[in-house]
Amino acid sequence: MKIYLASLAAGLLVGIVYSLLQVRSPAPPLIALLGLLGILVGEQIIPLGKQLLAGERLKTACTETITSAHLFGMLPGHPAKAPEKKKETV
């Protein structure tokens, strides 16, 4: 929960600075949010693609790269689970 409050506080601080300098935010809110979504999805393309090229099914590849947890985050109050790692055979 601390990270959510820190993020909100940082956003408020930037908004206050923009207001004091009498400038508008660099992007309309919807465009900024879509840009952030693009960043989150873009971060997952390479790891997910590597898993898919290795022959994993899409559902398994998403689980292995922890895509959904990264994109949607853990909701406050839910205990974080440590990701299970596959044992490599030599």
C-alpha atoms as a PDB file:
ATOM      1  CA  MET A   1       0.000   0.000   0.000  1.00  0.00           C
ATOM      2  CA  LYS A   2       2.961   2.308   0.646  1.00  0.00           C
ATOM      3  CA  ILE A   3       3.963   2.214  -3.037  1.00  0.00           C
ATOM      4  CA  TYR A   4       0.469   3.360  -4.076  1.00  0.00           C
ATOM      5  CA  LEU A   5       0.576   6.262  -1.660  1.00  0.00           C
ATOM      6  CA  ALA A   6       4.101   7.183  -2.766  1.00  0.00           C
ATOM      7  CA  SER A   7       2.989   7.161  -6.400  1.00  0.00           C
ATOM      8  CA  LEU A   8      -0.025   9.330  -5.600  1.00  0.00           C
ATOM      9  CA  ALA A   9       2.138  11.725  -3.598  1.00  0.00           C
ATOM     10  CA  ALA A  10       4.650  12.012  -6.447  1.00  0.00           C
ATOM     11  CA  GLY A  11       1.839  12.743  -8.895  1.00  0.00           C
ATOM     12  CA  LEU A  12       0.377  15.372  -6.613  1.00  0.00           C
ATOM     13  CA  LEU A  13       3.770  17.006  -6.180  1.00  0.00           C
ATOM     14  CA  VAL A  14       4.300  17.184  -9.943  1.00  0.00           C
ATOM     15  CA  GLY A  15       0.786  18.608 -10.365  1.00  0.00           C
ATOM     16  CA  ILE A  16       1.499  21.296  -7.779  1.00  0.00           C
ATOM     17  CA  VAL A  17       4.779  22.221  -9.474  1.00  0.00           C
ATOM     18  CA  TYR A  18       2.990  22.440 -12.853  1.00  0.00           C
ATOM     19  CA  SER A  19       0.352  24.665 -11.278  1.00  0.00           C
ATOM     20  CA  LEU A  20       2.933  26.956  -9.655  1.00  0.00           C
ATOM     21  CA  LEU A  21       4.775  27.278 -12.974  1.00  0.00           C
ATOM     22  CA  GLN A  22       1.433  27.821 -14.733  1.00  0.00           C
ATOM     23  CA  VAL A  23       2.033  25.113 -17.320  1.00  0.00           C
ATOM     24  CA  ARG A  24      -0.286  22.369 -18.471  1.00  0.00           C
ATOM     25  CA  SER A  25       0.621  18.721 -18.209  1.00  0.00           C
ATOM     26  CA  PRO A  26       2.471  17.506 -21.305  1.00  0.00           C
ATOM     27  CA  ALA A  27      -0.314  15.141 -22.386  1.00  0.00           C
ATOM     28  CA  PRO A  28      -4.049  14.863 -21.869  1.00  0.00           C
ATOM     29  CA  PRO A  29      -4.830  12.313 -19.136  1.00  0.00           C
ATOM     30  CA  LEU A  30      -6.241   9.626 -21.463  1.00  0.00           C
ATOM     31  CA  ILE A  31      -3.276   9.821 -23.810  1.00  0.00           C
ATOM     32  CA  ALA A  32      -0.852   9.680 -20.872  1.00  0.00           C
ATOM     33  CA  LEU A  33      -2.585   6.605 -19.432  1.00  0.00           C
ATOM     34  CA  LEU A  34      -2.555   4.859 -22.805  1.00  0.00           C
ATOM     35  CA  GLY A  35       1.146   5.632 -23.085  1.00  0.00           C
ATOM     36  CA  LEU A  36       1.782   4.087 -19.678  1.00  0.00           C
ATOM     37  CA  LEU A  37      -0.225   1.009 -20.675  1.00  0.00           C
ATOM     38  CA  GLY A  38       1.891   0.753 -23.811  1.00  0.00           C
ATOM     39  CA  ILE A  39       5.050   0.853 -21.720  1.00  0.00           C
ATOM     40  CA  LEU A  40       3.784  -1.912 -19.432  1.00  0.00           C
ATOM     41  CA  VAL A  41       2.746  -4.138 -22.327  1.00  0.00           C
ATOM     42  CA  GLY A  42       5.921  -3.363 -24.265  1.00  0.00           C
ATOM     43  CA  GLU A  43       8.090  -4.483 -21.345  1.00  0.00           C
ATOM     44  CA  GLN A  44       6.486  -7.911 -21.535  1.00  0.00           C
ATOM     45  CA  ILE A  45       6.736  -8.518 -25.302  1.00  0.00           C
ATOM     46  CA  ILE A  46      10.368  -9.708 -25.390  1.00  0.00           C
ATOM     47  CA  PRO A  47      10.194 -12.120 -22.397  1.00  0.00           C
ATOM     48  CA  LEU A  48       6.844 -13.456 -23.595  1.00  0.00           C
ATOM     49  CA  GLY A  49       8.133 -13.839 -27.148  1.00  0.00           C
ATOM     50  CA  LYS A  50      11.188 -15.758 -25.912  1.00  0.00           C
ATOM     51  CA  GLN A  51       8.927 -18.187 -24.064  1.00  0.00           C
ATOM     52  CA  LEU A  52       6.686 -18.623 -27.104  1.00  0.00           C
ATOM     53  CA  LEU A  53       9.681 -19.227 -29.389  1.00  0.00           C
ATOM     54  CA  ALA A  54      10.936 -21.827 -26.913  1.00  0.00           C
ATOM     55  CA  GLY A  55       7.744 -23.778 -27.606  1.00  0.00           C
ATOM     56  CA  GLU A  56       5.667 -22.834 -24.574  1.00  0.00           C
ATOM     57  CA  ARG A  57       1.912 -22.386 -24.890  1.00  0.00           C
ATOM     58  CA  LEU A  58       0.605 -18.827 -24.471  1.00  0.00           C
ATOM     59  CA  LYS A  59      -0.944 -19.463 -21.048  1.00  0.00           C
ATOM     60  CA  THR A  60       2.231 -21.129 -19.773  1.00  0.00           C
ATOM     61  CA  ALA A  61       4.415 -18.390 -21.255  1.00  0.00           C
ATOM     62  CA  CYS A  62       2.344 -15.707 -19.511  1.00  0.00           C
ATOM     63  CA  THR A  63       2.663 -17.588 -16.231  1.00  0.00           C
ATOM     64  CA  GLU A  64       6.413 -18.099 -16.630  1.00  0.00           C
ATOM     65  CA  THR A  65       7.114 -14.446 -17.370  1.00  0.00           C
ATOM     66  CA  ILE A  66       4.696 -13.283 -14.643  1.00  0.00           C
ATOM     67  CA  THR A  67       3.023 -11.075 -17.243  1.00  0.00           C
ATOM     68  CA  SER A  68      -0.351 -10.665 -15.564  1.00  0.00           C
ATOM     69  CA  ALA A  69       1.149  -9.889 -12.157  1.00  0.00           C
ATOM     70  CA  HIS A  70       3.376  -7.242 -13.729  1.00  0.00           C
ATOM     71  CA  LEU A  71       0.632  -5.660 -15.819  1.00  0.00           C
ATOM     72  CA  PHE A  72      -2.084  -5.584 -13.197  1.00  0.00           C
ATOM     73  CA  GLY A  73       0.000  -5.580 -10.011  1.00  0.00           C
ATOM     74  CA  MET A  74      -0.937  -7.065  -6.688  1.00  0.00           C
ATOM     75  CA  LEU A  75      -3.962  -5.508  -5.123  1.00  0.00           C
ATOM     76  CA  PRO A  76      -3.499  -4.086  -1.631  1.00  0.00           C
ATOM     77  CA  GLY A  77      -4.185  -6.668   1.067  1.00  0.00           C
ATOM     78  CA  HIS A  78      -3.282  -9.710  -1.019  1.00  0.00           C
ATOM     79  CA  PRO A  79      -0.180 -11.614   0.061  1.00  0.00           C
ATOM     80  CA  ALA A  80       2.496 -11.710  -2.607  1.00  0.00           C
ATOM     81  CA  LYS A  81       3.376 -15.154  -3.898  1.00  0.00           C
ATOM     82  CA  ALA A  82       6.926 -15.969  -4.840  1.00  0.00           C
ATOM     83  CA  PRO A  83       7.067 -17.066  -8.480  1.00  0.00           C
ATOM     84  CA  GLU A  84       7.763 -20.745  -8.984  1.00  0.00           C
ATOM     85  CA  LYS A  85      10.935 -21.433 -10.908  1.00  0.00           C
ATOM     86  CA  LYS A  86      11.395 -24.388 -13.217  1.00  0.00           C
ATOM     87  CA  LYS A  87      14.246 -26.681 -12.343  1.00  0.00           C
ATOM     88  CA  GLU A  88      16.773 -26.779 -15.147  1.00  0.00           C
ATOM     89  CA  THR A  89      18.229 -30.101 -16.149  1.00  0.00           C
ATOM     90  CA  VAL A  90      21.829 -30.266 -17.214  1.00  0.00           C
END
